[in-house]
């Protein structure tokens, strides 16, 4: 995407590394400034999208700066290293002015589109058949996605979109959360209770979709005695901290997806204190995440190592739910 706009030789890995640097800088200034000189317009949260866009902008500015300094040195028949500080400062201002926000947004949009296309190309072979089996076992099921970033199965039009009913995003639903006055930036959450808002939002959305389905089917989702089938939320995910710990705080039955080695799963690396290559977490945030994962282990209701085990795991959880009634 960068090369399409004339920014050659900027690799995706460069943006990831720059994002890590920006995340670290943000973490250093997380403490709220309550002094009279505090900037009232300074954002109190920075999400993954903002980090990504800031990294794209910074890489663009660095590319333009290097190009401008090289051109200036050639014009003056000198080396770049011999340019004076005032010249460099002017070139830096030139770079900041040249990069337009619309181009940054266009590059981000292109990246996001390719991300979803790549996700479709690399779906686990049994992913679609597993979801279809769940839908066959439970005709009234509502399937939604809860994400801490911008991943959205509703944009994966050739694979997952027909199988999902809704998506709730940590980033895209921020306006709703701010109205609820419950938002915390993901990296600042220190325990699972701080994650509950997004799962409450997901439950509300799921129940809304379920009610609409019943209306469309004219109460086809009601039991024979006329009473509605009890709502049961089963949350499936590969992150112990968020998918298990966070969802459990709002009453979900949890299925922890700790896939076998052949899947190449990376989320569990945090449990061993290792940073997945795609994350921008700082060391402090990584350690916080690891501790949350450890604390969430006792909240696992079921665990699977292969995706095709999921339908049976859900059936067993629902059977247990029926037996306790």
C-alpha atoms as a PDB file:
ATOM      1  CA  UNK A   1       0.000   0.000   0.000  1.00  0.00           C
ATOM      2  CA  UNK A   2       2.818   2.429   0.822  1.00  0.00           C
ATOM      3  CA  UNK A   3       4.490   1.989  -2.562  1.00  0.00           C
ATOM      4  CA  UNK A   4       1.214   2.815  -4.320  1.00  0.00           C
ATOM      5  CA  UNK A   5       1.524   6.316  -2.885  1.00  0.00           C
ATOM      6  CA  UNK A   6       5.201   6.726  -3.748  1.00  0.00           C
ATOM      7  CA  UNK A   7       6.641   5.603  -0.411  1.00  0.00           C
ATOM      8  CA  UNK A   8       9.053   2.936  -1.579  1.00  0.00           C
ATOM      9  CA  UNK A   9      10.907   0.416   0.567  1.00  0.00           C
ATOM     10  CA  UNK A  10       8.668   0.829   3.637  1.00  0.00           C
ATOM     11  CA  UNK A  11       7.895  -2.698   4.842  1.00  0.00           C
ATOM     12  CA  UNK A  12       5.021  -3.865   7.079  1.00  0.00           C
ATOM     13  CA  UNK A  13       7.615  -4.882   9.665  1.00  0.00           C
ATOM     14  CA  UNK A  14       8.858  -1.258   9.763  1.00  0.00           C
ATOM     15  CA  UNK A  15       5.369  -0.079  10.712  1.00  0.00           C
ATOM     16  CA  UNK A  16       5.067  -2.773  13.382  1.00  0.00           C
ATOM     17  CA  UNK A  17       8.380  -1.750  14.976  1.00  0.00           C
ATOM     18  CA  UNK A  18       7.468   1.934  14.845  1.00  0.00           C
ATOM     19  CA  UNK A  19       4.127   1.065  16.434  1.00  0.00           C
ATOM     20  CA  UNK A  20       5.963  -0.594  19.314  1.00  0.00           C
ATOM     21  CA  UNK A  21       8.015   2.558  19.832  1.00  0.00           C
ATOM     22  CA  UNK A  22       4.912   4.725  19.845  1.00  0.00           C
ATOM     23  CA  UNK A  23       3.155   2.369  22.256  1.00  0.00           C
ATOM     24  CA  UNK A  24       6.120   2.595  24.615  1.00  0.00           C
ATOM     25  CA  UNK A  25       6.067   6.400  24.436  1.00  0.00           C
ATOM     26  CA  UNK A  26       2.350   6.443  25.192  1.00  0.00           C
ATOM     27  CA  UNK A  27       2.861   4.124  28.167  1.00  0.00           C
ATOM     28  CA  UNK A  28       5.477   6.470  29.628  1.00  0.00           C
ATOM     29  CA  UNK A  29       2.933   9.295  29.668  1.00  0.00           C
ATOM     30  CA  UNK A  30      -0.104   7.306  30.817  1.00  0.00           C
ATOM     31  CA  UNK A  31      -0.373   9.097  34.143  1.00  0.00           C
ATOM     32  CA  UNK A  32      -3.053  11.765  33.910  1.00  0.00           C
ATOM     33  CA  UNK A  33      -1.788  15.302  34.270  1.00  0.00           C
ATOM     34  CA  UNK A  34      -4.091  17.045  36.725  1.00  0.00           C
ATOM     35  CA  UNK A  35      -2.191  20.320  36.756  1.00  0.00           C
ATOM     36  CA  UNK A  36      -3.669  23.575  35.571  1.00  0.00           C
ATOM     37  CA  UNK A  37      -1.482  23.408  32.471  1.00  0.00           C
ATOM     38  CA  UNK A  38      -2.867  20.008  31.385  1.00  0.00           C
ATOM     39  CA  UNK A  39      -4.139  19.952  27.820  1.00  0.00           C
ATOM     40  CA  UNK A  40      -7.938  19.411  27.999  1.00  0.00           C
ATOM     41  CA  UNK A  41      -7.970  18.237  24.383  1.00  0.00           C
ATOM     42  CA  UNK A  42      -5.296  15.585  24.819  1.00  0.00           C
ATOM     43  CA  UNK A  43      -6.844  12.138  24.284  1.00  0.00           C
ATOM     44  CA  UNK A  44      -6.858   9.894  27.352  1.00  0.00           C
ATOM     45  CA  UNK A  45      -6.920   6.687  25.324  1.00  0.00           C
ATOM     46  CA  UNK A  46      -4.960   5.395  22.361  1.00  0.00           C
ATOM     47  CA  UNK A  47      -6.259   2.322  20.581  1.00  0.00           C
ATOM     48  CA  UNK A  48      -4.661  -0.076  18.113  1.00  0.00           C
ATOM     49  CA  UNK A  49      -5.953   1.837  15.102  1.00  0.00           C
ATOM     50  CA  UNK A  50      -4.496   5.123  16.316  1.00  0.00           C
ATOM     51  CA  UNK A  51      -1.161   3.452  17.026  1.00  0.00           C
ATOM     52  CA  UNK A  52      -1.144   1.941  13.533  1.00  0.00           C
ATOM     53  CA  UNK A  53      -2.020   5.243  11.844  1.00  0.00           C
ATOM     54  CA  UNK A  54       0.572   7.126  13.894  1.00  0.00           C
ATOM     55  CA  UNK A  55       3.188   4.559  12.839  1.00  0.00           C
ATOM     56  CA  UNK A  56       2.210   4.900   9.177  1.00  0.00           C
ATOM     57  CA  UNK A  57       2.495   8.691   9.404  1.00  0.00           C
ATOM     58  CA  UNK A  58       5.864   8.523  11.134  1.00  0.00           C
ATOM     59  CA  UNK A  59       7.279   6.156   8.500  1.00  0.00           C
ATOM     60  CA  UNK A  60       6.010   8.469   5.743  1.00  0.00           C
ATOM     61  CA  UNK A  61       7.569  11.495   7.401  1.00  0.00           C
ATOM     62  CA  UNK A  62      10.893   9.689   7.785  1.00  0.00           C
ATOM     63  CA  UNK A  63      10.844   8.714   4.107  1.00  0.00           C
ATOM     64  CA  UNK A  64      10.148  12.307   3.005  1.00  0.00           C
ATOM     65  CA  UNK A  65      12.753  13.670   5.418  1.00  0.00           C
ATOM     66  CA  UNK A  66      15.475  11.398   4.039  1.00  0.00           C
ATOM     67  CA  UNK A  67      14.476  12.268   0.477  1.00  0.00           C
ATOM     68  CA  UNK A  68      14.477  16.013   1.180  1.00  0.00           C
ATOM     69  CA  UNK A  69      17.830  15.932   2.961  1.00  0.00           C
ATOM     70  CA  UNK A  70      19.356  13.961   0.097  1.00  0.00           C
ATOM     71  CA  UNK A  71      18.013  16.417  -2.500  1.00  0.00           C
ATOM     72  CA  UNK A  72      19.251  19.386  -0.480  1.00  0.00           C
ATOM     73  CA  UNK A  73      22.717  17.876  -0.079  1.00  0.00           C
ATOM     74  CA  UNK A  74      22.902  17.213  -3.819  1.00  0.00           C
ATOM     75  CA  UNK A  75      21.833  20.773  -4.605  1.00  0.00           C
ATOM     76  CA  UNK A  76      24.581  22.114  -2.359  1.00  0.00           C
ATOM     77  CA  UNK A  77      27.148  19.564  -3.520  1.00  0.00           C
ATOM     78  CA  UNK A  78      27.755  18.305  -0.001  1.00  0.00           C
ATOM     79  CA  UNK A  79      27.089  15.251   2.153  1.00  0.00           C
ATOM     80  CA  UNK A  80      23.862  14.806   4.117  1.00  0.00           C
ATOM     81  CA  UNK A  81      25.887  14.549   7.311  1.00  0.00           C
ATOM     82  CA  UNK A  82      27.300  18.022   6.705  1.00  0.00           C
ATOM     83  CA  UNK A  83      23.909  19.761   6.592  1.00  0.00           C
ATOM     84  CA  UNK A  84      23.377  22.224   9.426  1.00  0.00           C
ATOM     85  CA  UNK A  85      20.871  21.810  12.265  1.00  0.00           C
ATOM     86  CA  UNK A  86      18.610  24.656  10.983  1.00  0.00           C
ATOM     87  CA  UNK A  87      18.446  22.982   7.554  1.00  0.00           C
ATOM     88  CA  UNK A  88      17.530  19.655   9.148  1.00  0.00           C
ATOM     89  CA  UNK A  89      14.871  21.309  11.287  1.00  0.00           C
ATOM     90  CA  UNK A  90      13.312  22.936   8.245  1.00  0.00           C
ATOM     91  CA  UNK A  91      13.372  19.600   6.428  1.00  0.00           C
ATOM     92  CA  UNK A  92      11.603  17.928   9.371  1.00  0.00           C
ATOM     93  CA  UNK A  93       8.893  20.589   9.251  1.00  0.00           C
ATOM     94  CA  UNK A  94       8.635  20.051   5.490  1.00  0.00           C
ATOM     95  CA  UNK A  95       8.100  16.320   6.060  1.00  0.00           C
ATOM     96  CA  UNK A  96       5.399  16.863   8.692  1.00  0.00           C
ATOM     97  CA  UNK A  97       3.585  19.318   6.441  1.00  0.00           C
ATOM     98  CA  UNK A  98       3.772  17.151   3.339  1.00  0.00           C
ATOM     99  CA  UNK A  99       2.133  14.062   4.845  1.00  0.00           C
ATOM    100  CA  UNK A 100      -1.606  14.589   4.584  1.00  0.00           C
ATOM    101  CA  UNK A 101      -4.022  12.802   6.904  1.00  0.00           C
ATOM    102  CA  UNK A 102      -6.123  11.631   3.952  1.00  0.00           C
ATOM    103  CA  UNK A 103      -3.156   9.700   2.551  1.00  0.00           C
ATOM    104  CA  UNK A 104      -2.453   8.146   5.959  1.00  0.00           C
ATOM    105  CA  UNK A 105      -6.101   7.087   6.136  1.00  0.00           C
ATOM    106  CA  UNK A 106      -5.962   5.678   2.596  1.00  0.00           C
ATOM    107  CA  UNK A 107      -2.890   3.592   3.422  1.00  0.00           C
ATOM    108  CA  UNK A 108      -4.529   2.358   6.627  1.00  0.00           C
ATOM    109  CA  UNK A 109      -7.706   1.422   4.733  1.00  0.00           C
ATOM    110  CA  UNK A 110      -5.646  -0.495   2.167  1.00  0.00           C
ATOM    111  CA  UNK A 111      -3.797  -2.303   4.966  1.00  0.00           C
ATOM    112  CA  UNK A 112      -7.040  -3.204   6.719  1.00  0.00           C
ATOM    113  CA  UNK A 113      -8.591  -4.511   3.509  1.00  0.00           C
ATOM    114  CA  UNK A 114      -5.557  -6.667   2.758  1.00  0.00           C
ATOM    115  CA  UNK A 115      -5.544  -7.886   6.356  1.00  0.00           C
ATOM    116  CA  UNK A 116      -9.056  -9.277   5.941  1.00  0.00           C
ATOM    117  CA  UNK A 117      -8.238 -10.761   2.538  1.00  0.00           C
ATOM    118  CA  UNK A 118      -5.172 -12.436   4.048  1.00  0.00           C
ATOM    119  CA  UNK A 119      -7.264 -13.752   6.935  1.00  0.00           C
ATOM    120  CA  UNK A 120      -9.608 -15.356   4.419  1.00  0.00           C
ATOM    121  CA  UNK A 121      -6.692 -16.944   2.586  1.00  0.00           C
ATOM    122  CA  UNK A 122      -5.311 -18.373   5.825  1.00  0.00           C
ATOM    123  CA  UNK A 123      -8.462 -19.585   7.577  1.00  0.00           C
ATOM    124  CA  UNK A 124      -7.984 -22.882   9.382  1.00  0.00           C
ATOM    125  CA  UNK A 125      -9.362 -25.602   7.078  1.00  0.00           C
ATOM    126  CA  UNK A 126     -12.116 -26.700   9.473  1.00  0.00           C
ATOM    127  CA  UNK A 127     -13.195 -23.211  10.596  1.00  0.00           C
ATOM    128  CA  UNK A 128     -16.203 -22.873   8.306  1.00  0.00           C
ATOM    129  CA  UNK A 129     -17.398 -26.468   8.729  1.00  0.00           C
ATOM    130  CA  UNK A 130     -17.140 -26.093  12.521  1.00  0.00           C
ATOM    131  CA  UNK A 131     -19.338 -23.000  12.576  1.00  0.00           C
ATOM    132  CA  UNK A 132     -21.852 -24.628  10.229  1.00  0.00           C
ATOM    133  CA  UNK A 133     -22.028 -27.644  12.532  1.00  0.00           C
ATOM    134  CA  UNK A 134     -22.800 -25.381  15.492  1.00  0.00           C
ATOM    135  CA  UNK A 135     -25.554 -23.699  13.494  1.00  0.00           C
ATOM    136  CA  UNK A 136     -26.964 -27.093  12.568  1.00  0.00           C
ATOM    137  CA  UNK A 137     -26.921 -28.260  16.203  1.00  0.00           C
ATOM    138  CA  UNK A 138     -28.480 -25.014  17.436  1.00  0.00           C
ATOM    139  CA  UNK A 139     -30.745 -23.468  14.767  1.00  0.00           C
ATOM    140  CA  UNK A 140     -31.476 -20.391  16.900  1.00  0.00           C
ATOM    141  CA  UNK A 141     -27.853 -19.613  17.693  1.00  0.00           C
ATOM    142  CA  UNK A 142     -26.599 -16.036  17.363  1.00  0.00           C
ATOM    143  CA  UNK A 143     -22.897 -15.902  16.474  1.00  0.00           C
ATOM    144  CA  UNK A 144     -20.959 -12.719  17.123  1.00  0.00           C
ATOM    145  CA  UNK A 145     -17.331 -11.618  17.187  1.00  0.00           C
ATOM    146  CA  UNK A 146     -15.720  -9.615  19.991  1.00  0.00           C
ATOM    147  CA  UNK A 147     -12.424  -8.020  19.003  1.00  0.00           C
ATOM    148  CA  UNK A 148      -9.891  -5.740  20.662  1.00  0.00           C
ATOM    149  CA  UNK A 149      -8.881  -4.298  17.292  1.00  0.00           C
ATOM    150  CA  UNK A 150     -10.335  -3.782  13.844  1.00  0.00           C
ATOM    151  CA  UNK A 151     -10.628  -7.416  12.737  1.00  0.00           C
ATOM    152  CA  UNK A 152     -14.175  -7.966  11.539  1.00  0.00           C
ATOM    153  CA  UNK A 153     -15.589 -11.193  10.071  1.00  0.00           C
ATOM    154  CA  UNK A 154     -18.389  -9.123   8.541  1.00  0.00           C
ATOM    155  CA  UNK A 155     -15.746  -7.791   6.118  1.00  0.00           C
ATOM    156  CA  UNK A 156     -14.639 -11.287   5.138  1.00  0.00           C
ATOM    157  CA  UNK A 157     -17.284 -11.541   2.449  1.00  0.00           C
ATOM    158  CA  UNK A 158     -15.997 -14.730   0.817  1.00  0.00           C
ATOM    159  CA  UNK A 159     -15.871 -16.819   3.967  1.00  0.00           C
ATOM    160  CA  UNK A 160     -17.102 -15.797   7.425  1.00  0.00           C
ATOM    161  CA  UNK A 161     -19.576 -12.979   6.749  1.00  0.00           C
ATOM    162  CA  UNK A 162     -22.552 -15.264   5.981  1.00  0.00           C
ATOM    163  CA  UNK A 163     -21.908 -17.177   9.222  1.00  0.00           C
ATOM    164  CA  UNK A 164     -21.769 -14.245  11.673  1.00  0.00           C
ATOM    165  CA  UNK A 165     -24.604 -12.080  12.953  1.00  0.00           C
ATOM    166  CA  UNK A 166     -22.686  -9.152  14.458  1.00  0.00           C
ATOM    167  CA  UNK A 167     -19.333  -7.794  15.581  1.00  0.00           C
ATOM    168  CA  UNK A 168     -18.436  -5.750  18.669  1.00  0.00           C
ATOM    169  CA  UNK A 169     -15.095  -3.951  18.497  1.00  0.00           C
ATOM    170  CA  UNK A 170     -12.996  -2.390  21.252  1.00  0.00           C
ATOM    171  CA  UNK A 171     -12.210   0.395  18.794  1.00  0.00           C
ATOM    172  CA  UNK A 172     -15.251   0.836  16.563  1.00  0.00           C
ATOM    173  CA  UNK A 173     -17.757   0.791  19.421  1.00  0.00           C
ATOM    174  CA  UNK A 174     -15.797   3.316  21.472  1.00  0.00           C
ATOM    175  CA  UNK A 175     -18.499   5.977  21.048  1.00  0.00           C
ATOM    176  CA  UNK A 176     -21.074   3.710  22.685  1.00  0.00           C
ATOM    177  CA  UNK A 177     -18.712   2.918  25.524  1.00  0.00           C
ATOM    178  CA  UNK A 178     -17.836   6.547  26.171  1.00  0.00           C
ATOM    179  CA  UNK A 179     -21.535   7.219  26.556  1.00  0.00           C
ATOM    180  CA  UNK A 180     -21.547   4.458  29.157  1.00  0.00           C
ATOM    181  CA  UNK A 181     -18.534   6.151  30.808  1.00  0.00           C
ATOM    182  CA  UNK A 182     -16.863   2.772  31.260  1.00  0.00           C
ATOM    183  CA  UNK A 183     -14.022   2.848  28.757  1.00  0.00           C
ATOM    184  CA  UNK A 184     -10.469   1.906  29.646  1.00  0.00           C
ATOM    185  CA  UNK A 185      -7.698   1.661  27.119  1.00  0.00           C
ATOM    186  CA  UNK A 186      -6.900  -1.997  26.577  1.00  0.00           C
ATOM    187  CA  UNK A 187      -3.274  -1.781  27.652  1.00  0.00           C
ATOM    188  CA  UNK A 188      -4.243  -0.055  30.917  1.00  0.00           C
ATOM    189  CA  UNK A 189      -6.578  -2.814  32.073  1.00  0.00           C
ATOM    190  CA  UNK A 190      -5.038  -4.584  35.027  1.00  0.00           C
ATOM    191  CA  UNK A 191      -7.628  -7.230  35.806  1.00  0.00           C
ATOM    192  CA  UNK A 192     -10.444  -9.047  34.074  1.00  0.00           C
ATOM    193  CA  UNK A 193     -13.144  -6.925  35.693  1.00  0.00           C
ATOM    194  CA  UNK A 194     -11.869  -3.971  33.663  1.00  0.00           C
ATOM    195  CA  UNK A 195     -12.808  -5.832  30.484  1.00  0.00           C
ATOM    196  CA  UNK A 196     -16.454  -6.418  31.355  1.00  0.00           C
ATOM    197  CA  UNK A 197     -17.875  -3.442  29.429  1.00  0.00           C
ATOM    198  CA  UNK A 198     -17.177  -4.884  25.978  1.00  0.00           C
ATOM    199  CA  UNK A 199     -18.725  -8.217  26.911  1.00  0.00           C
ATOM    200  CA  UNK A 200     -21.818  -6.554  28.357  1.00  0.00           C
ATOM    201  CA  UNK A 201     -22.073  -4.699  25.059  1.00  0.00           C
ATOM    202  CA  UNK A 202     -21.750  -7.999  23.183  1.00  0.00           C
ATOM    203  CA  UNK A 203     -24.454  -9.633  25.301  1.00  0.00           C
ATOM    204  CA  UNK A 204     -26.804  -6.710  24.708  1.00  0.00           C
ATOM    205  CA  UNK A 205     -26.151  -6.905  20.969  1.00  0.00           C
ATOM    206  CA  UNK A 206     -26.604 -10.675  20.936  1.00  0.00           C
ATOM    207  CA  UNK A 207     -29.895 -10.513  22.812  1.00  0.00           C
ATOM    208  CA  UNK A 208     -31.109  -7.774  20.490  1.00  0.00           C
ATOM    209  CA  UNK A 209     -30.277  -9.934  17.461  1.00  0.00           C
ATOM    210  CA  UNK A 210     -31.968 -12.920  19.080  1.00  0.00           C
ATOM    211  CA  UNK A 211     -35.146 -10.945  19.734  1.00  0.00           C
ATOM    212  CA  UNK A 212     -35.195  -9.686  16.166  1.00  0.00           C
ATOM    213  CA  UNK A 213     -34.754 -13.236  14.886  1.00  0.00           C
ATOM    214  CA  UNK A 214     -37.717 -14.376  16.949  1.00  0.00           C
ATOM    215  CA  UNK A 215     -39.837 -11.585  15.562  1.00  0.00           C
ATOM    216  CA  UNK A 216     -38.844 -12.453  12.006  1.00  0.00           C
ATOM    217  CA  UNK A 217     -39.564 -16.138  12.581  1.00  0.00           C
ATOM    218  CA  UNK A 218     -42.765 -15.295  14.470  1.00  0.00           C
ATOM    219  CA  UNK A 219     -41.721 -16.903  17.738  1.00  0.00           C
ATOM    220  CA  UNK A 220     -40.156 -19.924  16.049  1.00  0.00           C
ATOM    221  CA  UNK A 221     -37.461 -19.692  18.705  1.00  0.00           C
ATOM    222  CA  UNK A 222     -39.921 -20.231  21.545  1.00  0.00           C
ATOM    223  CA  UNK A 223     -40.375 -23.516  23.331  1.00  0.00           C
ATOM    224  CA  UNK A 224     -43.515 -25.610  23.015  1.00  0.00           C
ATOM    225  CA  UNK A 225     -45.046 -24.313  26.213  1.00  0.00           C
ATOM    226  CA  UNK A 226     -44.803 -20.771  24.912  1.00  0.00           C
ATOM    227  CA  UNK A 227     -41.862 -19.724  27.078  1.00  0.00           C
ATOM    228  CA  UNK A 228     -38.711 -18.358  25.517  1.00  0.00           C
ATOM    229  CA  UNK A 229     -35.634 -20.535  25.495  1.00  0.00           C
ATOM    230  CA  UNK A 230     -33.238 -19.312  28.179  1.00  0.00           C
ATOM    231  CA  UNK A 231     -30.361 -17.226  26.922  1.00  0.00           C
ATOM    232  CA  UNK A 232     -26.956 -18.889  27.306  1.00  0.00           C
ATOM    233  CA  UNK A 233     -23.743 -17.171  26.271  1.00  0.00           C
ATOM    234  CA  UNK A 234     -20.765 -19.325  25.304  1.00  0.00           C
ATOM    235  CA  UNK A 235     -17.582 -17.355  24.628  1.00  0.00           C
ATOM    236  CA  UNK A 236     -14.844 -18.985  22.549  1.00  0.00           C
ATOM    237  CA  UNK A 237     -11.336 -17.559  22.267  1.00  0.00           C
ATOM    238  CA  UNK A 238      -7.591 -18.115  22.434  1.00  0.00           C
ATOM    239  CA  UNK A 239      -6.669 -15.388  24.929  1.00  0.00           C
ATOM    240  CA  UNK A 240      -6.943 -16.509  28.554  1.00  0.00           C
ATOM    241  CA  UNK A 241      -6.933 -12.951  29.867  1.00  0.00           C
ATOM    242  CA  UNK A 242      -9.579 -11.435  27.623  1.00  0.00           C
ATOM    243  CA  UNK A 243     -11.610 -14.286  26.115  1.00  0.00           C
ATOM    244  CA  UNK A 244     -11.791 -16.288  29.333  1.00  0.00           C
ATOM    245  CA  UNK A 245     -11.179 -13.887  32.205  1.00  0.00           C
ATOM    246  CA  UNK A 246     -13.045 -10.957  30.704  1.00  0.00           C
ATOM    247  CA  UNK A 247     -16.037 -12.916  29.408  1.00  0.00           C
ATOM    248  CA  UNK A 248     -16.414 -14.885  32.640  1.00  0.00           C
ATOM    249  CA  UNK A 249     -16.930 -11.670  34.613  1.00  0.00           C
ATOM    250  CA  UNK A 250     -20.252 -11.192  32.840  1.00  0.00           C
ATOM    251  CA  UNK A 251     -21.508 -14.762  33.180  1.00  0.00           C
ATOM    252  CA  UNK A 252     -20.268 -16.437  30.013  1.00  0.00           C
ATOM    253  CA  UNK A 253     -19.508 -20.114  29.686  1.00  0.00           C
ATOM    254  CA  UNK A 254     -15.946 -20.088  28.390  1.00  0.00           C
ATOM    255  CA  UNK A 255     -14.177 -22.290  25.862  1.00  0.00           C
ATOM    256  CA  UNK A 256     -10.421 -21.796  25.798  1.00  0.00           C
ATOM    257  CA  UNK A 257      -8.896 -22.498  22.397  1.00  0.00           C
ATOM    258  CA  UNK A 258      -5.340 -23.731  23.004  1.00  0.00           C
ATOM    259  CA  UNK A 259      -4.657 -25.224  19.613  1.00  0.00           C
ATOM    260  CA  UNK A 260      -2.256 -28.043  18.854  1.00  0.00           C
ATOM    261  CA  UNK A 261       1.222 -27.069  17.563  1.00  0.00           C
ATOM    262  CA  UNK A 262       0.354 -27.687  13.903  1.00  0.00           C
ATOM    263  CA  UNK A 263      -1.951 -24.662  13.926  1.00  0.00           C
ATOM    264  CA  UNK A 264       0.909 -22.262  14.661  1.00  0.00           C
ATOM    265  CA  UNK A 265      -1.065 -20.412  17.318  1.00  0.00           C
ATOM    266  CA  UNK A 266       0.770 -17.407  18.799  1.00  0.00           C
ATOM    267  CA  UNK A 267      -1.581 -15.912  21.410  1.00  0.00           C
ATOM    268  CA  UNK A 268      -0.434 -18.292  24.158  1.00  0.00           C
ATOM    269  CA  UNK A 269       3.185 -17.126  23.807  1.00  0.00           C
ATOM    270  CA  UNK A 270       2.356 -14.424  26.350  1.00  0.00           C
ATOM    271  CA  UNK A 271       1.784 -17.118  28.966  1.00  0.00           C
ATOM    272  CA  UNK A 272       5.469 -18.004  28.635  1.00  0.00           C
ATOM    273  CA  UNK A 273       6.459 -14.343  28.876  1.00  0.00           C
ATOM    274  CA  UNK A 274       7.134 -14.104  25.140  1.00  0.00           C
ATOM    275  CA  UNK A 275       5.827 -11.333  22.904  1.00  0.00           C
ATOM    276  CA  UNK A 276       4.003 -12.391  19.715  1.00  0.00           C
ATOM    277  CA  UNK A 277       5.606 -10.750  16.696  1.00  0.00           C
ATOM    278  CA  UNK A 278       2.436  -8.853  15.774  1.00  0.00           C
ATOM    279  CA  UNK A 279       1.792  -7.142  19.116  1.00  0.00           C
ATOM    280  CA  UNK A 280       2.929  -3.643  20.124  1.00  0.00           C
ATOM    281  CA  UNK A 281       2.749  -4.348  23.872  1.00  0.00           C
ATOM    282  CA  UNK A 282       5.537  -3.014  26.046  1.00  0.00           C
ATOM    283  CA  UNK A 283       7.354  -5.353  28.439  1.00  0.00           C
ATOM    284  CA  UNK A 284       5.285  -3.978  31.322  1.00  0.00           C
ATOM    285  CA  UNK A 285       2.034  -4.529  29.439  1.00  0.00           C
ATOM    286  CA  UNK A 286       3.159  -8.004  28.425  1.00  0.00           C
ATOM    287  CA  UNK A 287       3.797  -8.942  32.047  1.00  0.00           C
ATOM    288  CA  UNK A 288       0.433  -7.505  33.087  1.00  0.00           C
ATOM    289  CA  UNK A 289      -1.245  -9.530  30.354  1.00  0.00           C
ATOM    290  CA  UNK A 290       0.560 -12.704  31.460  1.00  0.00           C
ATOM    291  CA  UNK A 291      -0.610 -12.280  35.062  1.00  0.00           C
ATOM    292  CA  UNK A 292      -4.180 -11.792  33.878  1.00  0.00           C
ATOM    293  CA  UNK A 293      -3.873 -15.015  31.870  1.00  0.00           C
ATOM    294  CA  UNK A 294      -2.650 -16.916  34.933  1.00  0.00           C
ATOM    295  CA  UNK A 295      -5.537 -15.594  37.033  1.00  0.00           C
ATOM    296  CA  UNK A 296      -8.058 -16.606  34.367  1.00  0.00           C
ATOM    297  CA  UNK A 297      -7.072 -20.281  34.238  1.00  0.00           C
ATOM    298  CA  UNK A 298      -9.585 -21.236  36.909  1.00  0.00           C
ATOM    299  CA  UNK A 299     -12.379 -19.670  34.842  1.00  0.00           C
ATOM    300  CA  UNK A 300     -11.985 -22.055  31.889  1.00  0.00           C
ATOM    301  CA  UNK A 301     -15.158 -24.153  31.487  1.00  0.00           C
ATOM    302  CA  UNK A 302     -13.936 -26.167  28.492  1.00  0.00           C
ATOM    303  CA  UNK A 303     -10.743 -26.445  26.485  1.00  0.00           C
ATOM    304  CA  UNK A 304     -10.172 -27.584  22.913  1.00  0.00           C
ATOM    305  CA  UNK A 305      -7.005 -28.326  20.952  1.00  0.00           C
ATOM    306  CA  UNK A 306      -8.654 -28.723  17.525  1.00  0.00           C
ATOM    307  CA  UNK A 307     -11.441 -26.598  16.064  1.00  0.00           C
ATOM    308  CA  UNK A 308     -13.583 -29.598  15.165  1.00  0.00           C
ATOM    309  CA  UNK A 309     -13.892 -30.294  18.909  1.00  0.00           C
ATOM    310  CA  UNK A 310     -15.827 -27.065  19.430  1.00  0.00           C
ATOM    311  CA  UNK A 311     -19.387 -28.260  18.594  1.00  0.00           C
ATOM    312  CA  UNK A 312     -19.152 -31.101  21.108  1.00  0.00           C
ATOM    313  CA  UNK A 313     -17.607 -28.824  23.759  1.00  0.00           C
ATOM    314  CA  UNK A 314     -20.528 -26.416  23.373  1.00  0.00           C
ATOM    315  CA  UNK A 315     -23.048 -29.252  23.530  1.00  0.00           C
ATOM    316  CA  UNK A 316     -21.502 -30.508  26.764  1.00  0.00           C
ATOM    317  CA  UNK A 317     -21.605 -27.051  28.324  1.00  0.00           C
ATOM    318  CA  UNK A 318     -25.245 -26.621  27.393  1.00  0.00           C
ATOM    319  CA  UNK A 319     -26.059 -30.096  28.714  1.00  0.00           C
ATOM    320  CA  UNK A 320     -24.497 -29.126  32.016  1.00  0.00           C
ATOM    321  CA  UNK A 321     -26.513 -25.923  32.013  1.00  0.00           C
ATOM    322  CA  UNK A 322     -29.734 -27.925  31.561  1.00  0.00           C
ATOM    323  CA  UNK A 323     -28.823 -30.334  34.364  1.00  0.00           C
ATOM    324  CA  UNK A 324     -28.326 -27.490  36.863  1.00  0.00           C
ATOM    325  CA  UNK A 325     -31.775 -26.009  36.212  1.00  0.00           C
END
